[in-house]
Amino acid sequence: MKKKDIKILLVDDEPDIIEIIRYNLLQEGYQVFSASNGLEAIGVAKKENPHLIILDIMMPEMDGIEACQIIRSNVQFQETVIMFLTARGEDFSLVAGYEAGADDYVTKPIKPKVLLSKVKGLLRRFDKKELIAQHLTFDTLVIDREEYLVFIDGERLSLPKKEFELLYLLASKPEKVFKREYIMETVWGNDVVVGDRTIDVHIRKLREKIGDKFFKTVKGVGYKFKAPE
């Protein structure tokens, strides 16, 4: 998908923050819309159907957490990416954001390069080639869905089925945080009951075989795949 076709909604009650982010996103070629609180954001989102929403947490009338929950409950926004913008770095705040349905967050004060890097990473999921491809390619990593094979630095790896399915699930939507419950249901389903640490063990094995740089643990929530820049 071309940048000029991508819609981004900015939601913050501070005009200066909106202006800074808007300028940098427009420079990249994205379409940019804005709202000053969560309630207004819901209305703009329904009208414009944005691909990405950058949502402040602390706002008047309706905060970002509540707005995110309402947006996520609407099937219209099933594929919409939501990134929180927050000055709060406490674990409980970030976990609450992820639990509400956010995909990522960036902290204030805004660093344009960091923001744009996160935006580009989150928007990769709208590349249809990545979403439907039998081969996912990230730098030196190639995942072959048809043959259940992985190639890293040209070396062929044959992973156990569950390790491969876990890897493919995470890599299918780079930068998306997958909750532990969703991973367990999708990869293991109704298989024999497994322990709480099963996912952690499989992630550890994948890190050992493929490299730690591709995986990030989101404390208290789950895991996400990080595509190299």
C-alpha atoms as a PDB file:
ATOM      1  CA  MET A   1       0.000   0.000   0.000  1.00  0.00           C
ATOM      2  CA  LYS A   2       1.323   3.442  -0.948  1.00  0.00           C
ATOM      3  CA  LYS A   3       1.834   6.065   1.758  1.00  0.00           C
ATOM      4  CA  LYS A   4      -0.547   8.506   0.053  1.00  0.00           C
ATOM      5  CA  ASP A   5      -3.357   5.966   0.538  1.00  0.00           C
ATOM      6  CA  ILE A   6      -2.728   5.488   4.273  1.00  0.00           C
ATOM      7  CA  LYS A   7      -4.880   7.429   6.732  1.00  0.00           C
ATOM      8  CA  ILE A   8      -3.587   8.282  10.205  1.00  0.00           C
ATOM      9  CA  LEU A   9      -5.700   9.787  12.989  1.00  0.00           C
ATOM     10  CA  LEU A  10      -3.932  11.816  15.716  1.00  0.00           C
ATOM     11  CA  VAL A  11      -5.721  12.238  19.023  1.00  0.00           C
ATOM     12  CA  ASP A  12      -4.316  14.583  21.687  1.00  0.00           C
ATOM     13  CA  ASP A  13      -5.619  17.522  23.682  1.00  0.00           C
ATOM     14  CA  GLU A  14      -2.347  19.436  23.228  1.00  0.00           C
ATOM     15  CA  PRO A  15      -2.323  21.392  19.920  1.00  0.00           C
ATOM     16  CA  ASP A  16       1.481  21.603  19.920  1.00  0.00           C
ATOM     17  CA  ILE A  17       1.793  17.812  20.037  1.00  0.00           C
ATOM     18  CA  ILE A  18      -0.713  17.444  17.201  1.00  0.00           C
ATOM     19  CA  GLU A  19       1.208  19.984  15.124  1.00  0.00           C
ATOM     20  CA  ILE A  20       4.593  18.290  15.630  1.00  0.00           C
ATOM     21  CA  ILE A  21       3.328  14.813  14.770  1.00  0.00           C
ATOM     22  CA  ARG A  22       1.179  16.056  11.884  1.00  0.00           C
ATOM     23  CA  TYR A  23       4.144  17.844  10.296  1.00  0.00           C
ATOM     24  CA  ASN A  24       6.381  14.768  10.418  1.00  0.00           C
ATOM     25  CA  LEU A  25       3.694  12.420   9.094  1.00  0.00           C
ATOM     26  CA  LEU A  26       2.736  14.777   6.264  1.00  0.00           C
ATOM     27  CA  GLN A  27       6.410  14.976   5.311  1.00  0.00           C
ATOM     28  CA  GLU A  28       6.326  11.191   4.883  1.00  0.00           C
ATOM     29  CA  GLY A  29       3.327  11.435   2.567  1.00  0.00           C
ATOM     30  CA  TYR A  30       0.555  10.066   4.819  1.00  0.00           C
ATOM     31  CA  GLN A  31      -3.004  11.450   5.022  1.00  0.00           C
ATOM     32  CA  VAL A  32      -3.433  12.938   8.510  1.00  0.00           C
ATOM     33  CA  PHE A  33      -6.589  13.704  10.519  1.00  0.00           C
ATOM     34  CA  SER A  34      -6.877  14.909  14.126  1.00  0.00           C
ATOM     35  CA  ALA A  35      -9.120  15.016  17.192  1.00  0.00           C
ATOM     36  CA  SER A  36      -8.690  16.613  20.614  1.00  0.00           C
ATOM     37  CA  ASN A  37     -10.294  13.927  22.814  1.00  0.00           C
ATOM     38  CA  GLY A  38     -11.462  10.334  22.757  1.00  0.00           C
ATOM     39  CA  LEU A  39     -15.105  11.119  22.051  1.00  0.00           C
ATOM     40  CA  GLU A  40     -14.241  13.260  19.036  1.00  0.00           C
ATOM     41  CA  ALA A  41     -11.765  10.610  17.886  1.00  0.00           C
ATOM     42  CA  ILE A  42     -14.489   7.961  17.662  1.00  0.00           C
ATOM     43  CA  GLY A  43     -16.543  10.210  15.385  1.00  0.00           C
ATOM     44  CA  VAL A  44     -13.593  11.019  13.106  1.00  0.00           C
ATOM     45  CA  ALA A  45     -12.576   7.343  13.014  1.00  0.00           C
ATOM     46  CA  LYS A  46     -16.059   6.247  11.892  1.00  0.00           C
ATOM     47  CA  LYS A  47     -16.016   8.866   9.124  1.00  0.00           C
ATOM     48  CA  GLU A  48     -12.447   8.402   7.843  1.00  0.00           C
ATOM     49  CA  ASN A  49     -11.772   4.732   8.749  1.00  0.00           C
ATOM     50  CA  PRO A  50      -8.047   5.296   9.484  1.00  0.00           C
ATOM     51  CA  HIS A  51      -5.394   2.615   9.118  1.00  0.00           C
ATOM     52  CA  LEU A  52      -3.550   3.883  12.218  1.00  0.00           C
ATOM     53  CA  ILE A  53      -4.723   5.808  15.273  1.00  0.00           C
ATOM     54  CA  ILE A  54      -2.144   7.557  17.473  1.00  0.00           C
ATOM     55  CA  LEU A  55      -4.031   8.012  20.720  1.00  0.00           C
ATOM     56  CA  ASP A  56      -3.087   9.996  23.809  1.00  0.00           C
ATOM     57  CA  ILE A  57      -4.056   8.374  27.124  1.00  0.00           C
ATOM     58  CA  MET A  58      -4.744  11.375  29.386  1.00  0.00           C
ATOM     59  CA  MET A  59      -7.454  13.551  27.791  1.00  0.00           C
ATOM     60  CA  PRO A  60     -10.633  15.377  28.851  1.00  0.00           C
ATOM     61  CA  GLU A  61     -14.187  14.142  28.120  1.00  0.00           C
ATOM     62  CA  MET A  62     -12.980  10.628  27.251  1.00  0.00           C
ATOM     63  CA  ASP A  63      -9.490   9.252  27.849  1.00  0.00           C
ATOM     64  CA  GLY A  64      -7.529   7.105  25.438  1.00  0.00           C
ATOM     65  CA  ILE A  65      -8.141   3.829  27.245  1.00  0.00           C
ATOM     66  CA  GLU A  66     -11.927   4.129  27.041  1.00  0.00           C
ATOM     67  CA  ALA A  67     -11.792   5.365  23.450  1.00  0.00           C
ATOM     68  CA  CYS A  68      -9.578   2.433  22.480  1.00  0.00           C
ATOM     69  CA  GLN A  69     -11.975  -0.054  24.059  1.00  0.00           C
ATOM     70  CA  ILE A  70     -14.938   1.428  22.173  1.00  0.00           C
ATOM     71  CA  ILE A  71     -13.049   1.497  18.874  1.00  0.00           C
ATOM     72  CA  ARG A  72     -11.894  -2.097  19.306  1.00  0.00           C
ATOM     73  CA  SER A  73     -15.482  -3.228  19.985  1.00  0.00           C
ATOM     74  CA  ASN A  74     -16.525  -2.038  16.511  1.00  0.00           C
ATOM     75  CA  VAL A  75     -15.930  -4.556  13.714  1.00  0.00           C
ATOM     76  CA  GLN A  76     -15.223  -1.621  11.366  1.00  0.00           C
ATOM     77  CA  PHE A  77     -11.875  -1.210  13.114  1.00  0.00           C
ATOM     78  CA  GLN A  78     -10.868  -4.850  13.384  1.00  0.00           C
ATOM     79  CA  GLU A  79      -7.707  -4.259  11.342  1.00  0.00           C
ATOM     80  CA  THR A  80      -7.028  -0.700  12.531  1.00  0.00           C
ATOM     81  CA  VAL A  81      -3.685  -0.256  14.265  1.00  0.00           C
ATOM     82  CA  ILE A  82      -3.703   1.708  17.534  1.00  0.00           C
ATOM     83  CA  MET A  83      -0.622   3.258  19.104  1.00  0.00           C
ATOM     84  CA  PHE A  84      -0.806   5.024  22.445  1.00  0.00           C
ATOM     85  CA  LEU A  85       0.957   8.306  23.029  1.00  0.00           C
ATOM     86  CA  THR A  86       1.686   8.752  26.707  1.00  0.00           C
ATOM     87  CA  ALA A  87       3.849  10.564  29.205  1.00  0.00           C
ATOM     88  CA  ARG A  88       3.291   7.726  31.654  1.00  0.00           C
ATOM     89  CA  GLY A  89       5.815   4.921  31.741  1.00  0.00           C
ATOM     90  CA  GLU A  90       4.444   2.844  34.605  1.00  0.00           C
ATOM     91  CA  ASP A  91       3.926  -0.818  33.843  1.00  0.00           C
ATOM     92  CA  PHE A  92       0.280  -0.733  34.925  1.00  0.00           C
ATOM     93  CA  SER A  93      -0.522   2.053  32.463  1.00  0.00           C
ATOM     94  CA  LEU A  94       1.114   0.258  29.544  1.00  0.00           C
ATOM     95  CA  VAL A  95      -0.525  -3.055  30.415  1.00  0.00           C
ATOM     96  CA  ALA A  96      -3.904  -1.317  30.651  1.00  0.00           C
ATOM     97  CA  GLY A  97      -3.297   0.105  27.192  1.00  0.00           C
ATOM     98  CA  TYR A  98      -2.451  -3.266  25.693  1.00  0.00           C
ATOM     99  CA  GLU A  99      -5.407  -4.871  27.420  1.00  0.00           C
ATOM    100  CA  ALA A 100      -7.657  -2.211  25.876  1.00  0.00           C
ATOM    101  CA  GLY A 101      -6.461  -3.302  22.455  1.00  0.00           C
ATOM    102  CA  ALA A 102      -3.444  -1.117  21.643  1.00  0.00           C
ATOM    103  CA  ASP A 103      -0.689  -2.464  19.403  1.00  0.00           C
ATOM    104  CA  ASP A 104       2.177  -0.304  20.663  1.00  0.00           C
ATOM    105  CA  TYR A 105       3.019   2.954  22.412  1.00  0.00           C
ATOM    106  CA  VAL A 106       5.454   5.855  22.230  1.00  0.00           C
ATOM    107  CA  THR A 107       6.297   8.121  25.157  1.00  0.00           C
ATOM    108  CA  LYS A 108       6.442  11.897  25.418  1.00  0.00           C
ATOM    109  CA  PRO A 109       8.446  14.022  24.783  1.00  0.00           C
ATOM    110  CA  ILE A 110       8.113  13.040  21.143  1.00  0.00           C
ATOM    111  CA  LYS A 111      11.203  11.980  19.227  1.00  0.00           C
ATOM    112  CA  PRO A 112      10.162  12.198  15.548  1.00  0.00           C
ATOM    113  CA  LYS A 113      12.601   9.521  14.351  1.00  0.00           C
ATOM    114  CA  VAL A 114      11.359   7.042  16.965  1.00  0.00           C
ATOM    115  CA  LEU A 115       7.731   7.855  16.186  1.00  0.00           C
ATOM    116  CA  LEU A 116       8.178   7.446  12.429  1.00  0.00           C
ATOM    117  CA  SER A 117      10.060   4.188  12.906  1.00  0.00           C
ATOM    118  CA  LYS A 118       7.214   2.770  14.990  1.00  0.00           C
ATOM    119  CA  VAL A 119       4.610   4.026  12.524  1.00  0.00           C
ATOM    120  CA  LYS A 120       6.377   2.374   9.585  1.00  0.00           C
ATOM    121  CA  GLY A 121       6.730  -0.869  11.519  1.00  0.00           C
ATOM    122  CA  LEU A 122       3.086  -0.972  12.548  1.00  0.00           C
ATOM    123  CA  LEU A 123       1.853  -0.185   9.055  1.00  0.00           C
ATOM    124  CA  ARG A 124       3.747  -3.109   7.519  1.00  0.00           C
ATOM    125  CA  ARG A 125       0.759  -5.325   8.190  1.00  0.00           C
ATOM    126  CA  PHE A 126      -1.146  -3.521   5.445  1.00  0.00           C
ATOM    127  CA  ASP A 127       1.304  -4.777   2.872  1.00  0.00           C
ATOM    128  CA  LYS A 128      -0.941  -7.427   1.297  1.00  0.00           C
ATOM    129  CA  LYS A 129       2.056  -9.375   0.090  1.00  0.00           C
ATOM    130  CA  GLU A 130       3.128  -9.955   3.668  1.00  0.00           C
ATOM    131  CA  LEU A 131      -0.351 -10.830   4.869  1.00  0.00           C
ATOM    132  CA  ILE A 132      -1.040 -13.529   2.283  1.00  0.00           C
ATOM    133  CA  ALA A 133       2.458 -14.654   1.293  1.00  0.00           C
ATOM    134  CA  GLN A 134       3.570 -18.219   1.770  1.00  0.00           C
ATOM    135  CA  HIS A 135       7.066 -16.767   2.127  1.00  0.00           C
ATOM    136  CA  LEU A 136       7.704 -14.024   4.685  1.00  0.00           C
ATOM    137  CA  THR A 137      11.075 -12.294   4.348  1.00  0.00           C
ATOM    138  CA  PHE A 138      12.740 -10.081   6.949  1.00  0.00           C
ATOM    139  CA  ASP A 139      16.353  -9.148   6.241  1.00  0.00           C
ATOM    140  CA  THR A 140      18.260 -12.466   6.602  1.00  0.00           C
ATOM    141  CA  LEU A 141      15.209 -14.385   7.834  1.00  0.00           C
ATOM    142  CA  VAL A 142      12.902 -16.233   5.408  1.00  0.00           C
ATOM    143  CA  ILE A 143       9.834 -18.185   6.573  1.00  0.00           C
ATOM    144  CA  ASP A 144       8.431 -20.746   4.120  1.00  0.00           C
ATOM    145  CA  ARG A 145       4.838 -21.540   5.101  1.00  0.00           C
ATOM    146  CA  GLU A 146       4.356 -24.268   2.475  1.00  0.00           C
ATOM    147  CA  GLU A 147       7.370 -26.351   3.488  1.00  0.00           C
ATOM    148  CA  TYR A 148       7.427 -25.450   7.198  1.00  0.00           C
ATOM    149  CA  LEU A 149      11.022 -24.302   6.762  1.00  0.00           C
ATOM    150  CA  VAL A 150      12.988 -21.327   8.028  1.00  0.00           C
ATOM    151  CA  PHE A 151      16.158 -19.898   6.504  1.00  0.00           C
ATOM    152  CA  ILE A 152      18.437 -17.650   8.548  1.00  0.00           C
ATOM    153  CA  ASP A 153      21.572 -16.198   6.968  1.00  0.00           C
ATOM    154  CA  GLY A 154      21.098 -18.732   4.175  1.00  0.00           C
ATOM    155  CA  GLU A 155      21.092 -21.678   6.587  1.00  0.00           C
ATOM    156  CA  ARG A 156      18.080 -23.973   6.477  1.00  0.00           C
ATOM    157  CA  LEU A 157      16.311 -24.720   9.752  1.00  0.00           C
ATOM    158  CA  SER A 158      13.603 -27.314  10.242  1.00  0.00           C
ATOM    159  CA  LEU A 159      11.592 -26.286  13.297  1.00  0.00           C
ATOM    160  CA  PRO A 160       9.169 -28.431  15.285  1.00  0.00           C
ATOM    161  CA  LYS A 161       5.590 -27.757  14.198  1.00  0.00           C
ATOM    162  CA  LYS A 162       4.546 -25.672  17.218  1.00  0.00           C
ATOM    163  CA  GLU A 163       7.697 -23.545  17.099  1.00  0.00           C
ATOM    164  CA  PHE A 164       7.080 -22.848  13.411  1.00  0.00           C
ATOM    165  CA  GLU A 165       3.399 -22.009  13.920  1.00  0.00           C
ATOM    166  CA  LEU A 166       4.276 -19.652  16.772  1.00  0.00           C
ATOM    167  CA  LEU A 167       6.928 -17.942  14.650  1.00  0.00           C
ATOM    168  CA  TYR A 168       4.623 -17.600  11.652  1.00  0.00           C
ATOM    169  CA  LEU A 169       1.786 -16.200  13.784  1.00  0.00           C
ATOM    170  CA  LEU A 170       3.983 -13.468  15.262  1.00  0.00           C
ATOM    171  CA  ALA A 171       5.716 -12.676  11.954  1.00  0.00           C
ATOM    172  CA  SER A 172       2.415 -12.451  10.042  1.00  0.00           C
ATOM    173  CA  LYS A 173       1.781  -9.068  11.698  1.00  0.00           C
ATOM    174  CA  PRO A 174       5.088  -7.393  12.629  1.00  0.00           C
ATOM    175  CA  GLU A 175       4.911  -5.093  15.671  1.00  0.00           C
ATOM    176  CA  LYS A 176       1.481  -6.387  16.708  1.00  0.00           C
ATOM    177  CA  VAL A 177       1.350  -7.508  20.331  1.00  0.00           C
ATOM    178  CA  PHE A 178      -0.217 -10.971  20.566  1.00  0.00           C
ATOM    179  CA  LYS A 179      -1.741 -11.722  23.952  1.00  0.00           C
ATOM    180  CA  ARG A 180      -0.742 -14.973  25.612  1.00  0.00           C
ATOM    181  CA  GLU A 181      -4.329 -16.232  25.577  1.00  0.00           C
ATOM    182  CA  TYR A 182      -4.623 -15.647  21.827  1.00  0.00           C
ATOM    183  CA  ILE A 183      -1.292 -17.352  21.132  1.00  0.00           C
ATOM    184  CA  MET A 184      -2.290 -20.363  23.207  1.00  0.00           C
ATOM    185  CA  GLU A 185      -5.672 -20.662  21.494  1.00  0.00           C
ATOM    186  CA  THR A 186      -4.290 -20.172  17.970  1.00  0.00           C
ATOM    187  CA  VAL A 187      -1.166 -22.340  18.165  1.00  0.00           C
ATOM    188  CA  TRP A 188      -2.227 -25.019  20.629  1.00  0.00           C
ATOM    189  CA  GLY A 189      -6.014 -24.854  20.355  1.00  0.00           C
ATOM    190  CA  ASN A 190      -7.710 -27.859  21.910  1.00  0.00           C
ATOM    191  CA  ASP A 191      -4.531 -29.912  22.061  1.00  0.00           C
ATOM    192  CA  VAL A 192      -3.594 -31.620  25.296  1.00  0.00           C
ATOM    193  CA  VAL A 193      -3.405 -29.252  28.226  1.00  0.00           C
ATOM    194  CA  VAL A 194      -0.023 -27.534  28.408  1.00  0.00           C
ATOM    195  CA  GLY A 195       1.616 -25.581  31.211  1.00  0.00           C
ATOM    196  CA  ASP A 196       1.593 -21.810  31.645  1.00  0.00           C
ATOM    197  CA  ARG A 197       5.255 -21.605  30.662  1.00  0.00           C
ATOM    198  CA  THR A 198       4.831 -23.420  27.332  1.00  0.00           C
ATOM    199  CA  ILE A 199       4.810 -20.225  25.273  1.00  0.00           C
ATOM    200  CA  ASP A 200       7.856 -18.866  27.103  1.00  0.00           C
ATOM    201  CA  VAL A 201       9.801 -22.060  26.462  1.00  0.00           C
ATOM    202  CA  HIS A 202       8.987 -21.992  22.735  1.00  0.00           C
ATOM    203  CA  ILE A 203       9.928 -18.310  22.469  1.00  0.00           C
ATOM    204  CA  ARG A 204      13.238 -19.041  24.215  1.00  0.00           C
ATOM    205  CA  LYS A 205      13.988 -21.811  21.733  1.00  0.00           C
ATOM    206  CA  LEU A 206      13.149 -19.553  18.791  1.00  0.00           C
ATOM    207  CA  ARG A 207      15.445 -16.857  20.177  1.00  0.00           C
ATOM    208  CA  GLU A 208      18.263 -19.368  20.468  1.00  0.00           C
ATOM    209  CA  LYS A 209      17.798 -20.633  16.909  1.00  0.00           C
ATOM    210  CA  ILE A 210      16.892 -17.457  15.036  1.00  0.00           C
ATOM    211  CA  GLY A 211      18.090 -14.544  17.143  1.00  0.00           C
ATOM    212  CA  ASP A 212      16.831 -12.451  20.021  1.00  0.00           C
ATOM    213  CA  LYS A 213      16.400  -9.304  17.893  1.00  0.00           C
ATOM    214  CA  PHE A 214      13.228 -10.634  16.254  1.00  0.00           C
ATOM    215  CA  PHE A 215      11.220 -11.052  19.460  1.00  0.00           C
ATOM    216  CA  LYS A 216      10.054  -8.706  22.190  1.00  0.00           C
ATOM    217  CA  THR A 217       8.354  -9.632  25.432  1.00  0.00           C
ATOM    218  CA  VAL A 218       5.563  -7.284  26.525  1.00  0.00           C
ATOM    219  CA  LYS A 219       5.471  -7.797  30.272  1.00  0.00           C
ATOM    220  CA  GLY A 220       2.127  -8.988  31.553  1.00  0.00           C
ATOM    221  CA  VAL A 221       0.613  -9.203  28.078  1.00  0.00           C
ATOM    222  CA  GLY A 222       2.408 -11.353  25.514  1.00  0.00           C
ATOM    223  CA  TYR A 223       4.887 -11.160  22.640  1.00  0.00           C
ATOM    224  CA  LYS A 224       5.486  -9.383  19.352  1.00  0.00           C
ATOM    225  CA  PHE A 225       7.724  -9.865  16.317  1.00  0.00           C
ATOM    226  CA  LYS A 226      10.141  -7.049  15.531  1.00  0.00           C
ATOM    227  CA  ALA A 227      11.085  -6.766  11.870  1.00  0.00           C
ATOM    228  CA  PRO A 228      14.606  -5.411  11.315  1.00  0.00           C
ATOM    229  CA  GLU A 229      14.793  -1.879   9.965  1.00  0.00           C
END
